[in-house]
Amino acid sequence: VHLPWCLKKCPYCDFNSHEQAAGGVPEQRYVDAVIADLE
């Protein structure tokens, strides 16, 4: 299960990771999407 957000992108990192926006992480919508993906 991939949760793609981080506080800050590290300069060596080539993973699919994204700095969280000022409004924070859309946790519930993302979990909804992950479970829909699983189904």
PDB file of all heavy atoms in Angstrom:
ATOM      1  N   VAL A   1       0.863  -1.192   0.000  1.00  0.00           N
ATOM      2  CA  VAL A   1       0.000   0.000   0.000  1.00  0.00           C
ATOM      3  C   VAL A   1       0.892   1.233   0.000  1.00  0.00           C
ATOM      4  O   VAL A   1       1.721   1.399   0.898  1.00  0.00           O
ATOM      5  CB  VAL A   1      -0.915   0.029   1.249  1.00  0.00           C
ATOM      6  CG1 VAL A   1      -1.893   1.209   1.140  1.00  0.00           C
ATOM      7  CG2 VAL A   1      -1.674  -1.286   1.413  1.00  0.00           C
ATOM      8  N   HIS A   2       0.733   2.081  -1.021  1.00  0.00           N
ATOM      9  CA  HIS A   2       1.598   3.267  -1.137  1.00  0.00           C
ATOM     10  C   HIS A   2       0.864   4.517  -0.653  1.00  0.00           C
ATOM     11  O   HIS A   2      -0.211   4.853  -1.150  1.00  0.00           O
ATOM     12  CB  HIS A   2       2.036   3.468  -2.589  1.00  0.00           C
ATOM     13  CG  HIS A   2       3.151   4.465  -2.724  1.00  0.00           C
ATOM     14  ND1 HIS A   2       4.445   4.191  -2.334  1.00  0.00           N
ATOM     15  CD2 HIS A   2       3.170   5.749  -3.186  1.00  0.00           C
ATOM     16  CE1 HIS A   2       5.207   5.254  -2.551  1.00  0.00           C
ATOM     17  NE2 HIS A   2       4.455   6.211  -3.062  1.00  0.00           N
ATOM     18  N   LEU A   3       1.452   5.188   0.352  1.00  0.00           N
ATOM     19  CA  LEU A   3       0.954   6.475   0.847  1.00  0.00           C
ATOM     20  C   LEU A   3       1.980   7.530   0.443  1.00  0.00           C
ATOM     21  O   LEU A   3       3.077   7.573   1.008  1.00  0.00           O
ATOM     22  CB  LEU A   3       0.774   6.424   2.376  1.00  0.00           C
ATOM     23  CG  LEU A   3      -0.075   5.264   2.923  1.00  0.00           C
ATOM     24  CD1 LEU A   3      -0.286   5.412   4.432  1.00  0.00           C
ATOM     25  CD2 LEU A   3      -1.425   5.154   2.224  1.00  0.00           C
ATOM     26  N   PRO A   4       1.688   8.358  -0.558  1.00  0.00           N
ATOM     27  CA  PRO A   4       2.744   9.081  -1.286  1.00  0.00           C
ATOM     28  C   PRO A   4       3.256  10.389  -0.705  1.00  0.00           C
ATOM     29  O   PRO A   4       4.166  10.985  -1.274  1.00  0.00           O
ATOM     30  CB  PRO A   4       2.073   9.348  -2.642  1.00  0.00           C
ATOM     31  CG  PRO A   4       0.620   9.501  -2.304  1.00  0.00           C
ATOM     32  CD  PRO A   4       0.363   8.566  -1.156  1.00  0.00           C
ATOM     33  N   TRP A   5       2.677  10.871   0.418  1.00  0.00           N
ATOM     34  CA  TRP A   5       3.085  12.204   0.880  1.00  0.00           C
ATOM     35  C   TRP A   5       4.210  12.158   1.909  1.00  0.00           C
ATOM     36  O   TRP A   5       4.362  11.182   2.647  1.00  0.00           O
ATOM     37  CB  TRP A   5       1.892  12.931   1.484  1.00  0.00           C
ATOM     38  CG  TRP A   5       0.905  13.354   0.444  1.00  0.00           C
ATOM     39  CD1 TRP A   5       0.993  14.440  -0.384  1.00  0.00           C
ATOM     40  CD2 TRP A   5      -0.309  12.687   0.101  1.00  0.00           C
ATOM     41  NE1 TRP A   5      -0.098  14.487  -1.221  1.00  0.00           N
ATOM     42  CE2 TRP A   5      -0.909  13.417  -0.944  1.00  0.00           C
ATOM     43  CE3 TRP A   5      -0.948  11.539   0.576  1.00  0.00           C
ATOM     44  CZ2 TRP A   5      -2.128  13.053  -1.521  1.00  0.00           C
ATOM     45  CZ3 TRP A   5      -2.161  11.163  -0.001  1.00  0.00           C
ATOM     46  CH2 TRP A   5      -2.731  11.911  -1.036  1.00  0.00           C
ATOM     47  N   CYS A   6       4.999  13.233   1.946  1.00  0.00           N
ATOM     48  CA  CYS A   6       6.044  13.384   2.957  1.00  0.00           C
ATOM     49  C   CYS A   6       6.107  14.867   3.344  1.00  0.00           C
ATOM     50  O   CYS A   6       5.519  15.715   2.670  1.00  0.00           O
ATOM     51  CB  CYS A   6       7.398  12.901   2.440  1.00  0.00           C
ATOM     52  SG  CYS A   6       7.867  13.576   0.852  1.00  0.00           S
ATOM     53  N   LEU A   7       6.825  15.149   4.434  1.00  0.00           N
ATOM     54  CA  LEU A   7       6.961  16.551   4.865  1.00  0.00           C
ATOM     55  C   LEU A   7       7.788  17.345   3.871  1.00  0.00           C
ATOM     56  O   LEU A   7       7.486  18.496   3.551  1.00  0.00           O
ATOM     57  CB  LEU A   7       7.636  16.609   6.244  1.00  0.00           C
ATOM     58  CG  LEU A   7       6.776  16.249   7.453  1.00  0.00           C
ATOM     59  CD1 LEU A   7       7.637  16.228   8.706  1.00  0.00           C
ATOM     60  CD2 LEU A   7       5.625  17.244   7.616  1.00  0.00           C
ATOM     61  N   LYS A   8       8.848  16.712   3.357  1.00  0.00           N
ATOM     62  CA  LYS A   8       9.794  17.410   2.475  1.00  0.00           C
ATOM     63  C   LYS A   8      10.472  16.370   1.593  1.00  0.00           C
ATOM     64  O   LYS A   8      10.863  15.305   2.063  1.00  0.00           O
ATOM     65  CB  LYS A   8      10.827  18.129   3.343  1.00  0.00           C
ATOM     66  CG  LYS A   8      11.916  18.850   2.584  1.00  0.00           C
ATOM     67  CD  LYS A   8      12.749  19.699   3.560  1.00  0.00           C
ATOM     68  CE  LYS A   8      14.029  20.198   2.926  1.00  0.00           C
ATOM     69  NZ  LYS A   8      15.206  19.468   3.334  1.00  0.00           N
ATOM     70  N   LYS A   9      10.597  16.662   0.311  1.00  0.00           N
ATOM     71  CA  LYS A   9      11.234  15.725  -0.625  1.00  0.00           C
ATOM     72  C   LYS A   9      12.744  15.754  -0.398  1.00  0.00           C
ATOM     73  O   LYS A   9      13.375  16.818  -0.456  1.00  0.00           O
ATOM     74  CB  LYS A   9      10.904  16.144  -2.056  1.00  0.00           C
ATOM     75  CG  LYS A   9      11.452  15.222  -3.124  1.00  0.00           C
ATOM     76  CD  LYS A   9      10.557  14.027  -3.363  1.00  0.00           C
ATOM     77  CE  LYS A   9      11.018  13.240  -4.590  1.00  0.00           C
ATOM     78  NZ  LYS A   9      10.247  12.010  -4.779  1.00  0.00           N
ATOM     79  N   CYS A  10      13.334  14.586  -0.127  1.00  0.00           N
ATOM     80  CA  CYS A  10      14.789  14.522   0.083  1.00  0.00           C
ATOM     81  C   CYS A  10      15.522  14.626  -1.257  1.00  0.00           C
ATOM     82  O   CYS A  10      15.035  14.130  -2.277  1.00  0.00           O
ATOM     83  CB  CYS A  10      15.161  13.218   0.785  1.00  0.00           C
ATOM     84  SG  CYS A  10      14.493  13.096   2.455  1.00  0.00           S
ATOM     85  N   PRO A  11      16.699  15.239  -1.275  1.00  0.00           N
ATOM     86  CA  PRO A  11      17.391  15.494  -2.550  1.00  0.00           C
ATOM     87  C   PRO A  11      17.864  14.231  -3.286  1.00  0.00           C
ATOM     88  O   PRO A  11      18.167  14.284  -4.466  1.00  0.00           O
ATOM     89  CB  PRO A  11      18.585  16.369  -2.134  1.00  0.00           C
ATOM     90  CG  PRO A  11      18.765  16.142  -0.668  1.00  0.00           C
ATOM     91  CD  PRO A  11      17.409  15.836  -0.132  1.00  0.00           C
ATOM     92  N   TYR A  12      17.941  13.082  -2.566  1.00  0.00           N
ATOM     93  CA  TYR A  12      18.398  11.837  -3.197  1.00  0.00           C
ATOM     94  C   TYR A  12      17.236  10.935  -3.610  1.00  0.00           C
ATOM     95  O   TYR A  12      17.430   9.903  -4.229  1.00  0.00           O
ATOM     96  CB  TYR A  12      19.305  11.053  -2.230  1.00  0.00           C
ATOM     97  CG  TYR A  12      18.631  10.723  -0.909  1.00  0.00           C
ATOM     98  CD1 TYR A  12      17.833   9.606  -0.784  1.00  0.00           C
ATOM     99  CD2 TYR A  12      18.786  11.557   0.199  1.00  0.00           C
ATOM    100  CE1 TYR A  12      17.188   9.330   0.416  1.00  0.00           C
ATOM    101  CE2 TYR A  12      18.153  11.286   1.396  1.00  0.00           C
ATOM    102  CZ  TYR A  12      17.360  10.169   1.501  1.00  0.00           C
ATOM    103  OH  TYR A  12      16.715   9.895   2.680  1.00  0.00           O
ATOM    104  N   CYS A  13      15.989  11.319  -3.265  1.00  0.00           N
ATOM    105  CA  CYS A  13      14.842  10.403  -3.361  1.00  0.00           C
ATOM    106  C   CYS A  13      14.252  10.391  -4.769  1.00  0.00           C
ATOM    107  O   CYS A  13      13.894  11.430  -5.321  1.00  0.00           O
ATOM    108  CB  CYS A  13      13.765  10.817  -2.360  1.00  0.00           C
ATOM    109  SG  CYS A  13      12.299   9.793  -2.454  1.00  0.00           S
ATOM    110  N   ASP A  14      14.125   9.164  -5.337  1.00  0.00           N
ATOM    111  CA  ASP A  14      13.477   9.038  -6.643  1.00  0.00           C
ATOM    112  C   ASP A  14      12.182   8.225  -6.532  1.00  0.00           C
ATOM    113  O   ASP A  14      11.648   7.760  -7.527  1.00  0.00           O
ATOM    114  CB  ASP A  14      14.427   8.412  -7.672  1.00  0.00           C
ATOM    115  CG  ASP A  14      14.720   6.949  -7.386  1.00  0.00           C
ATOM    116  OD1 ASP A  14      14.588   6.516  -6.222  1.00  0.00           O
ATOM    117  OD2 ASP A  14      15.080   6.225  -8.337  1.00  0.00           O
ATOM    118  N   PHE A  15      11.678   8.053  -5.292  1.00  0.00           N
ATOM    119  CA  PHE A  15      10.412   7.354  -5.102  1.00  0.00           C
ATOM    120  C   PHE A  15       9.255   8.268  -5.507  1.00  0.00           C
ATOM    121  O   PHE A  15       9.421   9.480  -5.645  1.00  0.00           O
ATOM    122  CB  PHE A  15      10.221   6.943  -3.637  1.00  0.00           C
ATOM    123  CG  PHE A  15      11.197   5.895  -3.166  1.00  0.00           C
ATOM    124  CD1 PHE A  15      11.559   5.826  -1.828  1.00  0.00           C
ATOM    125  CD2 PHE A  15      11.750   4.985  -4.042  1.00  0.00           C
ATOM    126  CE1 PHE A  15      12.453   4.869  -1.372  1.00  0.00           C
ATOM    127  CE2 PHE A  15      12.649   4.026  -3.610  1.00  0.00           C
ATOM    128  CZ  PHE A  15      13.004   3.970  -2.269  1.00  0.00           C
ATOM    129  N   ASN A  16       8.079   7.686  -5.677  1.00  0.00           N
ATOM    130  CA  ASN A  16       6.891   8.474  -5.982  1.00  0.00           C
ATOM    131  C   ASN A  16       6.385   9.106  -4.690  1.00  0.00           C
ATOM    132  O   ASN A  16       5.450   8.629  -4.059  1.00  0.00           O
ATOM    133  CB  ASN A  16       5.811   7.592  -6.613  1.00  0.00           C
ATOM    134  CG  ASN A  16       4.606   8.409  -7.038  1.00  0.00           C
ATOM    135  OD1 ASN A  16       4.741   9.575  -7.426  1.00  0.00           O
ATOM    136  ND2 ASN A  16       3.417   7.835  -6.946  1.00  0.00           N
ATOM    137  N   SER A  17       7.055  10.192  -4.278  1.00  0.00           N
ATOM    138  CA  SER A  17       6.683  10.881  -3.045  1.00  0.00           C
ATOM    139  C   SER A  17       6.489  12.362  -3.343  1.00  0.00           C
ATOM    140  O   SER A  17       7.148  12.930  -4.222  1.00  0.00           O
ATOM    141  CB  SER A  17       7.748  10.679  -1.959  1.00  0.00           C
ATOM    142  OG  SER A  17       8.989  11.178  -2.392  1.00  0.00           O
ATOM    143  N   HIS A  18       5.566  12.977  -2.599  1.00  0.00           N
ATOM    144  CA  HIS A  18       5.153  14.356  -2.876  1.00  0.00           C
ATOM    145  C   HIS A  18       5.059  15.122  -1.567  1.00  0.00           C
ATOM    146  O   HIS A  18       4.485  14.622  -0.593  1.00  0.00           O
ATOM    147  CB  HIS A  18       3.780  14.360  -3.566  1.00  0.00           C
ATOM    148  CG  HIS A  18       3.756  13.535  -4.829  1.00  0.00           C
ATOM    149  ND1 HIS A  18       3.877  14.076  -6.082  1.00  0.00           N
ATOM    150  CD2 HIS A  18       3.662  12.194  -5.009  1.00  0.00           C
ATOM    151  CE1 HIS A  18       3.835  13.101  -6.988  1.00  0.00           C
ATOM    152  NE2 HIS A  18       3.708  11.952  -6.352  1.00  0.00           N
ATOM    153  N   GLU A  19       5.609  16.343  -1.552  1.00  0.00           N
ATOM    154  CA  GLU A  19       5.511  17.168  -0.345  1.00  0.00           C
ATOM    155  C   GLU A  19       4.049  17.521  -0.093  1.00  0.00           C
ATOM    156  O   GLU A  19       3.332  17.883  -1.023  1.00  0.00           O
ATOM    157  CB  GLU A  19       6.346  18.444  -0.498  1.00  0.00           C
ATOM    158  CG  GLU A  19       7.829  18.169  -0.453  1.00  0.00           C
ATOM    159  CD  GLU A  19       8.685  19.437  -0.425  1.00  0.00           C
ATOM    160  OE1 GLU A  19       8.128  20.507  -0.101  1.00  0.00           O
ATOM    161  OE2 GLU A  19       9.885  19.348  -0.714  1.00  0.00           O
ATOM    162  N   GLN A  20       3.626  17.386   1.167  1.00  0.00           N
ATOM    163  CA  GLN A  20       2.232  17.692   1.483  1.00  0.00           C
ATOM    164  C   GLN A  20       1.959  19.176   1.292  1.00  0.00           C
ATOM    165  O   GLN A  20       2.813  20.021   1.563  1.00  0.00           O
ATOM    166  CB  GLN A  20       1.889  17.247   2.898  1.00  0.00           C
ATOM    167  CG  GLN A  20       2.607  18.019   4.005  1.00  0.00           C
ATOM    168  CD  GLN A  20       2.101  17.645   5.387  1.00  0.00           C
ATOM    169  OE1 GLN A  20       1.767  16.506   5.636  1.00  0.00           O
ATOM    170  NE2 GLN A  20       2.044  18.608   6.279  1.00  0.00           N
ATOM    171  N   ALA A  21       0.765  19.481   0.826  1.00  0.00           N
ATOM    172  CA  ALA A  21       0.371  20.881   0.620  1.00  0.00           C
ATOM    173  C   ALA A  21       0.074  21.531   1.970  1.00  0.00           C
ATOM    174  O   ALA A  21      -0.038  20.848   2.989  1.00  0.00           O
ATOM    175  CB  ALA A  21      -0.855  20.933  -0.282  1.00  0.00           C
ATOM    176  N   ALA A  22      -0.070  22.856   1.942  1.00  0.00           N
ATOM    177  CA  ALA A  22      -0.312  23.608   3.180  1.00  0.00           C
ATOM    178  C   ALA A  22      -1.564  23.111   3.902  1.00  0.00           C
ATOM    179  O   ALA A  22      -1.647  23.127   5.122  1.00  0.00           O
ATOM    180  CB  ALA A  22      -0.430  25.090   2.863  1.00  0.00           C
ATOM    181  N   GLY A  23      -2.542  22.641   3.130  1.00  0.00           N
ATOM    182  CA  GLY A  23      -3.791  22.177   3.731  1.00  0.00           C
ATOM    183  C   GLY A  23      -3.706  20.790   4.333  1.00  0.00           C
ATOM    184  O   GLY A  23      -4.695  20.283   4.867  1.00  0.00           O
ATOM    185  N   GLY A  24      -2.534  20.165   4.225  1.00  0.00           N
ATOM    186  CA  GLY A  24      -2.369  18.818   4.780  1.00  0.00           C
ATOM    187  C   GLY A  24      -2.712  17.723   3.773  1.00  0.00           C
ATOM    188  O   GLY A  24      -2.907  17.988   2.588  1.00  0.00           O
ATOM    189  N   VAL A  25      -2.807  16.512   4.256  1.00  0.00           N
ATOM    190  CA  VAL A  25      -3.007  15.332   3.408  1.00  0.00           C
ATOM    191  C   VAL A  25      -4.491  14.945   3.412  1.00  0.00           C
ATOM    192  O   VAL A  25      -5.101  14.873   4.487  1.00  0.00           O
ATOM    193  CB  VAL A  25      -2.158  14.152   3.938  1.00  0.00           C
ATOM    194  CG1 VAL A  25      -2.470  12.875   3.199  1.00  0.00           C
ATOM    195  CG2 VAL A  25      -0.667  14.487   3.824  1.00  0.00           C
ATOM    196  N   PRO A  26      -5.085  14.686   2.231  1.00  0.00           N
ATOM    197  CA  PRO A  26      -6.497  14.266   2.179  1.00  0.00           C
ATOM    198  C   PRO A  26      -6.635  12.790   2.575  1.00  0.00           C
ATOM    199  O   PRO A  26      -6.927  11.923   1.748  1.00  0.00           O
ATOM    200  CB  PRO A  26      -6.876  14.500   0.714  1.00  0.00           C
ATOM    201  CG  PRO A  26      -5.597  14.326  -0.036  1.00  0.00           C
ATOM    202  CD  PRO A  26      -4.495  14.790   0.886  1.00  0.00           C
ATOM    203  N   GLU A  27      -6.422  12.504   3.864  1.00  0.00           N
ATOM    204  CA  GLU A  27      -6.308  11.121   4.331  1.00  0.00           C
ATOM    205  C   GLU A  27      -7.528  10.263   3.997  1.00  0.00           C
ATOM    206  O   GLU A  27      -7.395   9.159   3.473  1.00  0.00           O
ATOM    207  CB  GLU A  27      -6.060  11.088   5.851  1.00  0.00           C
ATOM    208  CG  GLU A  27      -4.718  11.656   6.258  1.00  0.00           C
ATOM    209  CD  GLU A  27      -4.442  11.461   7.755  1.00  0.00           C
ATOM    210  OE1 GLU A  27      -5.149  10.664   8.411  1.00  0.00           O
ATOM    211  OE2 GLU A  27      -3.493  12.096   8.261  1.00  0.00           O
ATOM    212  N   GLN A  28      -8.733  10.774   4.315  1.00  0.00           N
ATOM    213  CA  GLN A  28      -9.925   9.930   4.161  1.00  0.00           C
ATOM    214  C   GLN A  28     -10.242   9.657   2.693  1.00  0.00           C
ATOM    215  O   GLN A  28     -10.578   8.541   2.312  1.00  0.00           O
ATOM    216  CB  GLN A  28     -11.125  10.564   4.877  1.00  0.00           C
ATOM    217  CG  GLN A  28     -10.915  10.737   6.376  1.00  0.00           C
ATOM    218  CD  GLN A  28     -10.432   9.466   7.079  1.00  0.00           C
ATOM    219  OE1 GLN A  28     -10.872   8.360   6.778  1.00  0.00           O
ATOM    220  NE2 GLN A  28      -9.496   9.622   8.013  1.00  0.00           N
ATOM    221  N   ARG A  29     -10.116  10.681   1.864  1.00  0.00           N
ATOM    222  CA  ARG A  29     -10.387  10.477   0.428  1.00  0.00           C
ATOM    223  C   ARG A  29      -9.370   9.512  -0.169  1.00  0.00           C
ATOM    224  O   ARG A  29      -9.705   8.685  -1.009  1.00  0.00           O
ATOM    225  CB  ARG A  29     -10.362  11.814  -0.320  1.00  0.00           C
ATOM    226  CG  ARG A  29     -10.781  11.650  -1.788  1.00  0.00           C
ATOM    227  CD  ARG A  29     -11.107  12.993  -2.440  1.00  0.00           C
ATOM    228  NE  ARG A  29     -11.806  12.792  -3.699  1.00  0.00           N
ATOM    229  CZ  ARG A  29     -11.212  12.774  -4.906  1.00  0.00           C
ATOM    230  NH1 ARG A  29      -9.910  12.962  -5.000  1.00  0.00           N
ATOM    231  NH2 ARG A  29     -11.919  12.579  -6.000  1.00  0.00           N
ATOM    232  N   TYR A  30      -8.122   9.644   0.289  1.00  0.00           N
ATOM    233  CA  TYR A  30      -7.087   8.757  -0.250  1.00  0.00           C
ATOM    234  C   TYR A  30      -7.364   7.306   0.152  1.00  0.00           C
ATOM    235  O   TYR A  30      -7.243   6.393  -0.672  1.00  0.00           O
ATOM    236  CB  TYR A  30      -5.699   9.204   0.213  1.00  0.00           C
ATOM    237  CG  TYR A  30      -4.595   8.435  -0.508  1.00  0.00           C
ATOM    238  CD1 TYR A  30      -4.250   8.753  -1.819  1.00  0.00           C
ATOM    239  CD2 TYR A  30      -3.937   7.370   0.099  1.00  0.00           C
ATOM    240  CE1 TYR A  30      -3.266   8.050  -2.499  1.00  0.00           C
ATOM    241  CE2 TYR A  30      -2.965   6.660  -0.570  1.00  0.00           C
ATOM    242  CZ  TYR A  30      -2.626   6.992  -1.869  1.00  0.00           C
ATOM    243  OH  TYR A  30      -1.668   6.275  -2.543  1.00  0.00           O
ATOM    244  N   VAL A  31      -7.729   7.076   1.405  1.00  0.00           N
ATOM    245  CA  VAL A  31      -8.045   5.706   1.835  1.00  0.00           C
ATOM    246  C   VAL A  31      -9.275   5.183   1.087  1.00  0.00           C
ATOM    247  O   VAL A  31      -9.311   4.011   0.678  1.00  0.00           O
ATOM    248  CB  VAL A  31      -8.229   5.621   3.369  1.00  0.00           C
ATOM    249  CG1 VAL A  31      -8.734   4.239   3.784  1.00  0.00           C
ATOM    250  CG2 VAL A  31      -6.899   5.914   4.066  1.00  0.00           C
ATOM    251  N   ASP A  32     -10.264   6.050   0.848  1.00  0.00           N
ATOM    252  CA  ASP A  32     -11.419   5.645   0.025  1.00  0.00           C
ATOM    253  C   ASP A  32     -10.937   5.143  -1.341  1.00  0.00           C
ATOM    254  O   ASP A  32     -11.415   4.117  -1.843  1.00  0.00           O
ATOM    255  CB  ASP A  32     -12.367   6.838  -0.204  1.00  0.00           C
ATOM    256  CG  ASP A  32     -13.145   7.243   1.049  1.00  0.00           C
ATOM    257  OD1 ASP A  32     -13.202   6.443   2.006  1.00  0.00           O
ATOM    258  OD2 ASP A  32     -13.689   8.374   1.062  1.00  0.00           O
ATOM    259  N   ALA A  33     -10.003   5.880  -1.935  1.00  0.00           N
ATOM    260  CA  ALA A  33      -9.483   5.519  -3.265  1.00  0.00           C
ATOM    261  C   ALA A  33      -8.711   4.203  -3.215  1.00  0.00           C
ATOM    262  O   ALA A  33      -8.866   3.349  -4.099  1.00  0.00           O
ATOM    263  CB  ALA A  33      -8.590   6.647  -3.795  1.00  0.00           C
ATOM    264  N   VAL A  34      -7.878   4.036  -2.199  1.00  0.00           N
ATOM    265  CA  VAL A  34      -7.086   2.808  -2.063  1.00  0.00           C
ATOM    266  C   VAL A  34      -7.998   1.584  -1.924  1.00  0.00           C
ATOM    267  O   VAL A  34      -7.754   0.532  -2.531  1.00  0.00           O
ATOM    268  CB  VAL A  34      -6.121   2.925  -0.851  1.00  0.00           C
ATOM    269  CG1 VAL A  34      -5.590   1.571  -0.429  1.00  0.00           C
ATOM    270  CG2 VAL A  34      -4.963   3.857  -1.203  1.00  0.00           C
ATOM    271  N   ILE A  35      -9.067   1.722  -1.138  1.00  0.00           N
ATOM    272  CA  ILE A  35      -9.979   0.592  -0.943  1.00  0.00           C
ATOM    273  C   ILE A  35     -10.778   0.320  -2.219  1.00  0.00           C
ATOM    274  O   ILE A  35     -11.022  -0.841  -2.577  1.00  0.00           O
ATOM    275  CB  ILE A  35     -10.897   0.835   0.281  1.00  0.00           C
ATOM    276  CG1 ILE A  35     -10.033   0.934   1.553  1.00  0.00           C
ATOM    277  CG2 ILE A  35     -11.930  -0.272   0.425  1.00  0.00           C
ATOM    278  CD1 ILE A  35      -9.111  -0.261   1.820  1.00  0.00           C
ATOM    279  N   ALA A  36     -11.145   1.374  -2.947  1.00  0.00           N
ATOM    280  CA  ALA A  36     -11.809   1.180  -4.249  1.00  0.00           C
ATOM    281  C   ALA A  36     -10.873   0.457  -5.215  1.00  0.00           C
ATOM    282  O   ALA A  36     -11.293  -0.444  -5.970  1.00  0.00           O
ATOM    283  CB  ALA A  36     -12.235   2.529  -4.824  1.00  0.00           C
ATOM    284  N   ASP A  37      -9.602   0.833  -5.180  1.00  0.00           N
ATOM    285  CA  ASP A  37      -8.558   0.184  -5.988  1.00  0.00           C
ATOM    286  C   ASP A  37      -8.480  -1.306  -5.636  1.00  0.00           C
ATOM    287  O   ASP A  37      -8.465  -2.184  -6.512  1.00  0.00           O
ATOM    288  CB  ASP A  37      -7.231   0.897  -5.707  1.00  0.00           C
ATOM    289  CG  ASP A  37      -6.081   0.449  -6.584  1.00  0.00           C
ATOM    290  OD1 ASP A  37      -6.253  -0.436  -7.430  1.00  0.00           O
ATOM    291  OD2 ASP A  37      -4.964   1.009  -6.391  1.00  0.00           O
ATOM    292  N   LEU A  38      -8.449  -1.588  -4.341  1.00  0.00           N
ATOM    293  CA  LEU A  38      -8.386  -2.982  -3.881  1.00  0.00           C
ATOM    294  C   LEU A  38      -9.606  -3.773  -4.355  1.00  0.00           C
ATOM    295  O   LEU A  38      -9.481  -4.901  -4.855  1.00  0.00           O
ATOM    296  CB  LEU A  38      -8.297  -3.018  -2.353  1.00  0.00           C
ATOM    297  CG  LEU A  38      -8.369  -4.397  -1.693  1.00  0.00           C
ATOM    298  CD1 LEU A  38      -7.241  -5.302  -2.179  1.00  0.00           C
ATOM    299  CD2 LEU A  38      -8.319  -4.280  -0.178  1.00  0.00           C
ATOM    300  N   GLU A  39     -10.782  -3.183  -4.216  1.00  0.00           N
ATOM    301  CA  GLU A  39     -12.002  -3.896  -4.616  1.00  0.00           C
ATOM    302  C   GLU A  39     -12.003  -4.217  -6.108  1.00  0.00           C
ATOM    303  O   GLU A  39     -12.422  -5.306  -6.524  1.00  0.00           O
ATOM    304  CB  GLU A  39     -13.241  -3.076  -4.239  1.00  0.00           C
ATOM    305  CG  GLU A  39     -13.485  -3.084  -2.733  1.00  0.00           C
ATOM    306  CD  GLU A  39     -14.782  -2.425  -2.328  1.00  0.00           C
ATOM    307  OE1 GLU A  39     -15.315  -1.600  -3.110  1.00  0.00           O
ATOM    308  OE2 GLU A  39     -15.262  -2.726  -1.218  1.00  0.00           O
TER     309      GLU A  39
END
